[in-house]
Amino acid sequence: MMNASQIGKLVVSALEDIKGKDIETIDTSRLTPLFERIVVATGESNRQVRALARNVQEKARDAGVEILSTEGEDAGEWILVDLGDVIVHVMQPAVRGYYKLEELWSSRSRPPLRVPPAE
C-alpha cells in the first residue's frame, strides 16, 4: 500500500506526462485530518484538463491506489480526483486564478489557529 508521499509523486508524474502546468503539492497533514496532500495543476483547455485527470486515474489504478471519487469531468474546467490521502485538482487557468486553492491551503499564508482557553 502506498503512502501519501508516494501517491503524490505518482500524481505529479502523471500530470507531467500530459504537460500539466504549474503543478504544486501542498502538505495539509497539519491542517486537516481528512487528507495529507493536495496536488493542484493547470490544463489549458477542457480537453487537456480531462486528459490530465484521466491520466492521474489510470496511473493510480495501475499502482493499486483506490479512486474514491471524481467530480467535474462533464464541464472540464475543474476536475477533482479523490485518492483518499491525496486530493488532486486539475483546473483551467481562470478557475485556478479565481479560487486560489494554494493560498487557501498553504499554512504559510495564514497565522496558526488559536483556540481560546476554556473558562
N, C-alpha and C. Protein backbone atom coordinates (compact mmCIF):
# COMPACT_ATOMS: atom_id res chain seq x y z
N MET A 1 0.84 -1.19 0.00
CA MET A 1 0.00 0.00 0.00
C MET A 1 0.88 1.25 0.00
N MET A 2 0.54 2.20 -0.86
CA MET A 2 1.34 3.41 -1.00
C MET A 2 0.94 4.44 0.06
N ASN A 3 1.95 5.21 0.54
CA ASN A 3 1.64 6.29 1.47
C ASN A 3 1.36 7.57 0.68
N ALA A 4 0.95 8.63 1.39
CA ALA A 4 0.57 9.88 0.73
C ALA A 4 1.70 10.48 -0.09
N SER A 5 2.92 10.39 0.41
CA SER A 5 4.07 10.94 -0.32
C SER A 5 4.27 10.21 -1.65
N GLN A 6 4.18 8.89 -1.62
CA GLN A 6 4.34 8.09 -2.84
C GLN A 6 3.20 8.37 -3.83
N ILE A 7 1.98 8.46 -3.32
CA ILE A 7 0.84 8.77 -4.19
C ILE A 7 1.02 10.15 -4.80
N GLY A 8 1.48 11.11 -4.00
CA GLY A 8 1.72 12.46 -4.51
C GLY A 8 2.72 12.48 -5.65
N LYS A 9 3.80 11.71 -5.49
CA LYS A 9 4.82 11.63 -6.55
C LYS A 9 4.25 10.98 -7.81
N LEU A 10 3.44 9.95 -7.64
CA LEU A 10 2.80 9.29 -8.77
C LEU A 10 1.88 10.27 -9.51
N VAL A 11 1.12 11.06 -8.75
CA VAL A 11 0.21 12.05 -9.34
C VAL A 11 0.99 13.10 -10.12
N VAL A 12 2.05 13.63 -9.53
CA VAL A 12 2.86 14.65 -10.22
C VAL A 12 3.43 14.09 -11.52
N SER A 13 3.92 12.87 -11.48
CA SER A 13 4.46 12.23 -12.68
C SER A 13 3.37 12.08 -13.76
N ALA A 14 2.17 11.66 -13.34
CA ALA A 14 1.06 11.50 -14.29
C ALA A 14 0.67 12.85 -14.90
N LEU A 15 0.72 13.91 -14.12
CA LEU A 15 0.39 15.25 -14.63
C LEU A 15 1.47 15.75 -15.58
N GLU A 16 2.73 15.48 -15.25
CA GLU A 16 3.84 15.89 -16.11
C GLU A 16 3.79 15.17 -17.46
N ASP A 17 3.33 13.91 -17.46
CA ASP A 17 3.22 13.14 -18.70
C ASP A 17 2.36 13.84 -19.75
N ILE A 18 1.32 14.54 -19.30
CA ILE A 18 0.37 15.18 -20.21
C ILE A 18 0.60 16.70 -20.24
N LYS A 19 1.77 17.12 -19.81
CA LYS A 19 2.18 18.53 -19.86
C LYS A 19 1.32 19.45 -19.00
N GLY A 20 0.94 18.96 -17.80
CA GLY A 20 0.25 19.82 -16.84
C GLY A 20 1.18 20.95 -16.45
N LYS A 21 0.62 22.12 -16.18
CA LYS A 21 1.43 23.29 -15.85
C LYS A 21 1.25 23.68 -14.39
N ASP A 22 2.26 24.37 -13.87
CA ASP A 22 2.21 24.94 -12.52
C ASP A 22 1.75 23.91 -11.50
N ILE A 23 2.35 22.74 -11.52
CA ILE A 23 1.98 21.66 -10.60
C ILE A 23 2.51 22.00 -9.21
N GLU A 24 1.62 21.99 -8.24
CA GLU A 24 2.01 22.32 -6.88
C GLU A 24 1.44 21.28 -5.92
N THR A 25 2.29 20.82 -5.00
CA THR A 25 1.87 19.88 -3.97
C THR A 25 1.88 20.60 -2.63
N ILE A 26 0.78 20.49 -1.90
CA ILE A 26 0.66 21.15 -0.60
C ILE A 26 0.46 20.09 0.47
N ASP A 27 1.30 20.11 1.49
CA ASP A 27 1.18 19.20 2.62
C ASP A 27 0.11 19.76 3.56
N THR A 28 -0.99 19.06 3.69
CA THR A 28 -2.11 19.51 4.53
C THR A 28 -2.24 18.69 5.81
N SER A 29 -1.25 17.85 6.08
CA SER A 29 -1.36 16.91 7.20
C SER A 29 -1.54 17.61 8.55
N ARG A 30 -1.05 18.84 8.68
CA ARG A 30 -1.21 19.56 9.95
C ARG A 30 -2.42 20.49 9.94
N LEU A 31 -3.10 20.56 8.79
CA LEU A 31 -4.23 21.48 8.66
C LEU A 31 -5.58 20.79 8.75
N THR A 32 -5.63 19.51 8.36
CA THR A 32 -6.89 18.76 8.39
C THR A 32 -6.60 17.27 8.54
N PRO A 33 -7.48 16.57 9.22
CA PRO A 33 -7.30 15.11 9.32
C PRO A 33 -7.90 14.37 8.12
N LEU A 34 -8.52 15.09 7.20
CA LEU A 34 -9.23 14.45 6.09
C LEU A 34 -8.32 13.90 5.00
N PHE A 35 -7.21 14.57 4.74
CA PHE A 35 -6.26 14.14 3.72
C PHE A 35 -4.90 14.75 4.04
N GLU A 36 -3.84 14.19 3.43
CA GLU A 36 -2.49 14.63 3.75
C GLU A 36 -1.86 15.54 2.71
N ARG A 37 -2.33 15.46 1.48
CA ARG A 37 -1.74 16.26 0.40
C ARG A 37 -2.83 16.73 -0.55
N ILE A 38 -2.57 17.91 -1.12
CA ILE A 38 -3.36 18.40 -2.24
C ILE A 38 -2.37 18.62 -3.37
N VAL A 39 -2.74 18.18 -4.56
CA VAL A 39 -1.94 18.47 -5.74
C VAL A 39 -2.82 19.30 -6.67
N VAL A 40 -2.30 20.45 -7.09
CA VAL A 40 -3.03 21.35 -7.97
C VAL A 40 -2.23 21.49 -9.26
N ALA A 41 -2.94 21.42 -10.40
CA ALA A 41 -2.28 21.58 -11.69
C ALA A 41 -3.20 22.33 -12.64
N THR A 42 -2.61 22.93 -13.66
CA THR A 42 -3.37 23.68 -14.65
C THR A 42 -3.32 22.96 -15.99
N GLY A 43 -4.48 22.93 -16.64
CA GLY A 43 -4.61 22.46 -18.01
C GLY A 43 -5.15 23.61 -18.84
N GLU A 44 -4.68 23.75 -20.06
CA GLU A 44 -5.01 24.91 -20.87
C GLU A 44 -6.40 24.88 -21.51
N SER A 45 -7.03 23.71 -21.57
CA SER A 45 -8.34 23.59 -22.22
C SER A 45 -9.15 22.50 -21.53
N ASN A 46 -10.44 22.45 -21.84
CA ASN A 46 -11.30 21.38 -21.29
C ASN A 46 -10.70 20.02 -21.64
N ARG A 47 -10.25 19.88 -22.87
CA ARG A 47 -9.69 18.61 -23.34
C ARG A 47 -8.45 18.24 -22.53
N GLN A 48 -7.55 19.19 -22.31
CA GLN A 48 -6.33 18.88 -21.57
C GLN A 48 -6.64 18.60 -20.09
N VAL A 49 -7.56 19.35 -19.50
CA VAL A 49 -7.93 19.11 -18.10
C VAL A 49 -8.47 17.69 -17.95
N ARG A 50 -9.33 17.28 -18.89
CA ARG A 50 -9.87 15.91 -18.84
C ARG A 50 -8.76 14.88 -19.02
N ALA A 51 -7.85 15.13 -19.96
CA ALA A 51 -6.75 14.18 -20.21
C ALA A 51 -5.84 14.06 -18.99
N LEU A 52 -5.57 15.18 -18.33
CA LEU A 52 -4.73 15.16 -17.13
C LEU A 52 -5.39 14.34 -16.03
N ALA A 53 -6.67 14.60 -15.79
CA ALA A 53 -7.39 13.87 -14.73
C ALA A 53 -7.48 12.39 -15.07
N ARG A 54 -7.73 12.08 -16.33
CA ARG A 54 -7.83 10.69 -16.76
C ARG A 54 -6.50 9.96 -16.56
N ASN A 55 -5.39 10.63 -16.89
CA ASN A 55 -4.08 10.01 -16.73
C ASN A 55 -3.76 9.76 -15.25
N VAL A 56 -4.15 10.70 -14.39
CA VAL A 56 -3.96 10.51 -12.95
C VAL A 56 -4.74 9.27 -12.50
N GLN A 57 -5.98 9.14 -12.96
CA GLN A 57 -6.81 7.99 -12.58
C GLN A 57 -6.19 6.68 -13.08
N GLU A 58 -5.74 6.67 -14.32
CA GLU A 58 -5.15 5.45 -14.88
C GLU A 58 -3.89 5.03 -14.13
N LYS A 59 -3.01 6.00 -13.87
CA LYS A 59 -1.75 5.68 -13.17
C LYS A 59 -2.04 5.22 -11.74
N ALA A 60 -3.01 5.86 -11.10
CA ALA A 60 -3.38 5.46 -9.73
C ALA A 60 -3.93 4.04 -9.73
N ARG A 61 -4.85 3.75 -10.66
CA ARG A 61 -5.43 2.41 -10.76
C ARG A 61 -4.35 1.36 -10.99
N ASP A 62 -3.43 1.67 -11.92
CA ASP A 62 -2.34 0.74 -12.25
C ASP A 62 -1.46 0.45 -11.02
N ALA A 63 -1.34 1.45 -10.13
CA ALA A 63 -0.50 1.29 -8.94
C ALA A 63 -1.27 0.71 -7.76
N GLY A 64 -2.55 0.42 -7.96
CA GLY A 64 -3.36 -0.16 -6.90
C GLY A 64 -3.93 0.86 -5.92
N VAL A 65 -3.93 2.14 -6.31
CA VAL A 65 -4.48 3.19 -5.46
C VAL A 65 -5.98 3.32 -5.75
N GLU A 66 -6.78 3.30 -4.70
CA GLU A 66 -8.23 3.39 -4.87
C GLU A 66 -8.65 4.82 -5.21
N ILE A 67 -9.49 4.97 -6.22
CA ILE A 67 -10.05 6.26 -6.59
C ILE A 67 -11.41 6.34 -5.90
N LEU A 68 -11.53 7.21 -4.90
CA LEU A 68 -12.76 7.30 -4.13
C LEU A 68 -13.86 8.03 -4.90
N SER A 69 -13.50 9.06 -5.62
CA SER A 69 -14.48 9.76 -6.46
C SER A 69 -13.78 10.71 -7.41
N THR A 70 -14.53 11.10 -8.42
CA THR A 70 -14.07 12.10 -9.39
C THR A 70 -15.24 13.03 -9.66
N GLU A 71 -14.98 14.32 -9.64
CA GLU A 71 -16.03 15.31 -9.86
C GLU A 71 -15.59 16.30 -10.93
N GLY A 72 -16.54 16.77 -11.74
CA GLY A 72 -16.28 17.86 -12.68
C GLY A 72 -15.88 17.43 -14.08
N GLU A 73 -15.94 16.13 -14.39
CA GLU A 73 -15.49 15.68 -15.70
C GLU A 73 -16.35 16.22 -16.85
N ASP A 74 -17.63 16.42 -16.60
CA ASP A 74 -18.52 16.89 -17.67
C ASP A 74 -18.09 18.26 -18.20
N ALA A 75 -17.88 19.21 -17.30
CA ALA A 75 -17.52 20.57 -17.71
C ALA A 75 -16.05 20.66 -18.14
N GLY A 76 -15.17 19.98 -17.42
CA GLY A 76 -13.75 20.01 -17.77
C GLY A 76 -13.03 21.28 -17.40
N GLU A 77 -13.66 22.13 -16.58
CA GLU A 77 -12.99 23.35 -16.14
C GLU A 77 -12.21 23.13 -14.85
N TRP A 78 -12.75 22.26 -13.99
CA TRP A 78 -12.11 21.93 -12.72
C TRP A 78 -12.50 20.50 -12.40
N ILE A 79 -11.52 19.61 -12.42
CA ILE A 79 -11.79 18.21 -12.09
C ILE A 79 -11.05 17.86 -10.81
N LEU A 80 -11.80 17.28 -9.89
CA LEU A 80 -11.24 16.84 -8.62
C LEU A 80 -11.18 15.32 -8.64
N VAL A 81 -10.00 14.77 -8.30
CA VAL A 81 -9.83 13.32 -8.19
C VAL A 81 -9.45 13.04 -6.74
N ASP A 82 -10.31 12.29 -6.05
CA ASP A 82 -10.10 11.97 -4.64
C ASP A 82 -9.43 10.61 -4.52
N LEU A 83 -8.18 10.62 -4.09
CA LEU A 83 -7.41 9.39 -3.90
C LEU A 83 -7.23 9.09 -2.41
N GLY A 84 -8.14 9.56 -1.60
CA GLY A 84 -8.06 9.32 -0.16
C GLY A 84 -7.12 10.29 0.52
N ASP A 85 -5.87 9.90 0.73
CA ASP A 85 -4.90 10.78 1.39
C ASP A 85 -4.40 11.90 0.50
N VAL A 86 -4.68 11.80 -0.80
CA VAL A 86 -4.25 12.83 -1.76
C VAL A 86 -5.47 13.26 -2.58
N ILE A 87 -5.69 14.58 -2.63
CA ILE A 87 -6.77 15.15 -3.42
C ILE A 87 -6.12 15.91 -4.57
N VAL A 88 -6.57 15.62 -5.79
CA VAL A 88 -5.99 16.23 -6.99
C VAL A 88 -6.99 17.20 -7.59
N HIS A 89 -6.54 18.43 -7.86
CA HIS A 89 -7.37 19.45 -8.51
C HIS A 89 -6.70 19.81 -9.83
N VAL A 90 -7.39 19.56 -10.93
CA VAL A 90 -6.88 19.95 -12.25
C VAL A 90 -7.83 21.03 -12.75
N MET A 91 -7.28 22.21 -13.04
CA MET A 91 -8.11 23.37 -13.31
C MET A 91 -7.62 24.14 -14.54
N GLN A 92 -8.56 24.81 -15.18
CA GLN A 92 -8.18 25.76 -16.22
C GLN A 92 -7.65 27.02 -15.54
N PRO A 93 -6.82 27.81 -16.24
CA PRO A 93 -6.17 28.96 -15.60
C PRO A 93 -7.13 29.95 -14.93
N ALA A 94 -8.24 30.30 -15.58
CA ALA A 94 -9.16 31.28 -14.99
C ALA A 94 -9.79 30.76 -13.71
N VAL A 95 -10.13 29.49 -13.68
CA VAL A 95 -10.73 28.87 -12.49
C VAL A 95 -9.70 28.82 -11.36
N ARG A 96 -8.49 28.41 -11.70
CA ARG A 96 -7.43 28.33 -10.68
C ARG A 96 -7.12 29.71 -10.12
N GLY A 97 -7.08 30.71 -10.98
CA GLY A 97 -6.82 32.07 -10.53
C GLY A 97 -7.92 32.62 -9.64
N TYR A 98 -9.14 32.22 -9.91
CA TYR A 98 -10.28 32.70 -9.13
C TYR A 98 -10.32 32.06 -7.73
N TYR A 99 -10.14 30.76 -7.65
CA TYR A 99 -10.28 30.06 -6.38
C TYR A 99 -9.03 30.07 -5.51
N LYS A 100 -7.86 30.19 -6.11
CA LYS A 100 -6.60 30.32 -5.37
C LYS A 100 -6.47 29.29 -4.25
N LEU A 101 -6.60 28.01 -4.60
CA LEU A 101 -6.52 26.94 -3.60
C LEU A 101 -5.19 26.93 -2.86
N GLU A 102 -4.12 27.29 -3.55
CA GLU A 102 -2.81 27.28 -2.89
C GLU A 102 -2.81 28.24 -1.70
N GLU A 103 -3.41 29.42 -1.88
CA GLU A 103 -3.47 30.38 -0.78
C GLU A 103 -4.37 29.88 0.34
N LEU A 104 -5.47 29.26 -0.03
CA LEU A 104 -6.42 28.76 0.95
C LEU A 104 -5.80 27.68 1.84
N TRP A 105 -5.02 26.77 1.24
CA TRP A 105 -4.48 25.63 1.97
C TRP A 105 -3.05 25.79 2.46
N SER A 106 -2.36 26.82 2.02
CA SER A 106 -0.97 26.98 2.44
C SER A 106 -0.91 27.43 3.90
N SER A 107 -0.19 26.69 4.70
CA SER A 107 -0.06 27.05 6.12
C SER A 107 0.78 28.31 6.29
N ARG A 108 1.56 28.67 5.26
CA ARG A 108 2.40 29.86 5.35
C ARG A 108 1.60 31.14 5.18
N SER A 109 0.43 31.05 4.52
CA SER A 109 -0.29 32.26 4.17
C SER A 109 -1.25 32.74 5.26
N ARG A 110 -1.34 32.01 6.35
CA ARG A 110 -2.23 32.46 7.41
C ARG A 110 -1.64 32.10 8.76
N PRO A 111 -1.98 32.89 9.77
CA PRO A 111 -1.45 32.58 11.09
C PRO A 111 -2.08 31.30 11.63
N PRO A 112 -1.40 30.64 12.57
CA PRO A 112 -1.97 29.41 13.14
C PRO A 112 -3.28 29.72 13.86
N LEU A 113 -4.18 28.78 13.86
CA LEU A 113 -5.46 28.91 14.52
C LEU A 113 -5.24 28.88 16.03
N ARG A 114 -5.76 29.86 16.72
CA ARG A 114 -5.63 29.93 18.18
C ARG A 114 -6.98 29.58 18.81
N VAL A 115 -6.94 28.64 19.71
CA VAL A 115 -8.15 28.25 20.41
C VAL A 115 -8.14 28.96 21.77
N PRO A 116 -9.22 29.71 22.07
CA PRO A 116 -9.22 30.42 23.36
C PRO A 116 -9.30 29.41 24.51
N PRO A 117 -8.71 29.75 25.64
CA PRO A 117 -8.75 28.83 26.77
C PRO A 117 -10.18 28.65 27.28
N ALA A 118 -10.46 27.47 27.79
CA ALA A 118 -11.79 27.20 28.35
C ALA A 118 -11.96 27.97 29.65
N GLU A 119 -13.17 28.42 29.92
CA GLU A 119 -13.39 29.18 31.14
C GLU A 119 -13.86 28.32 32.26
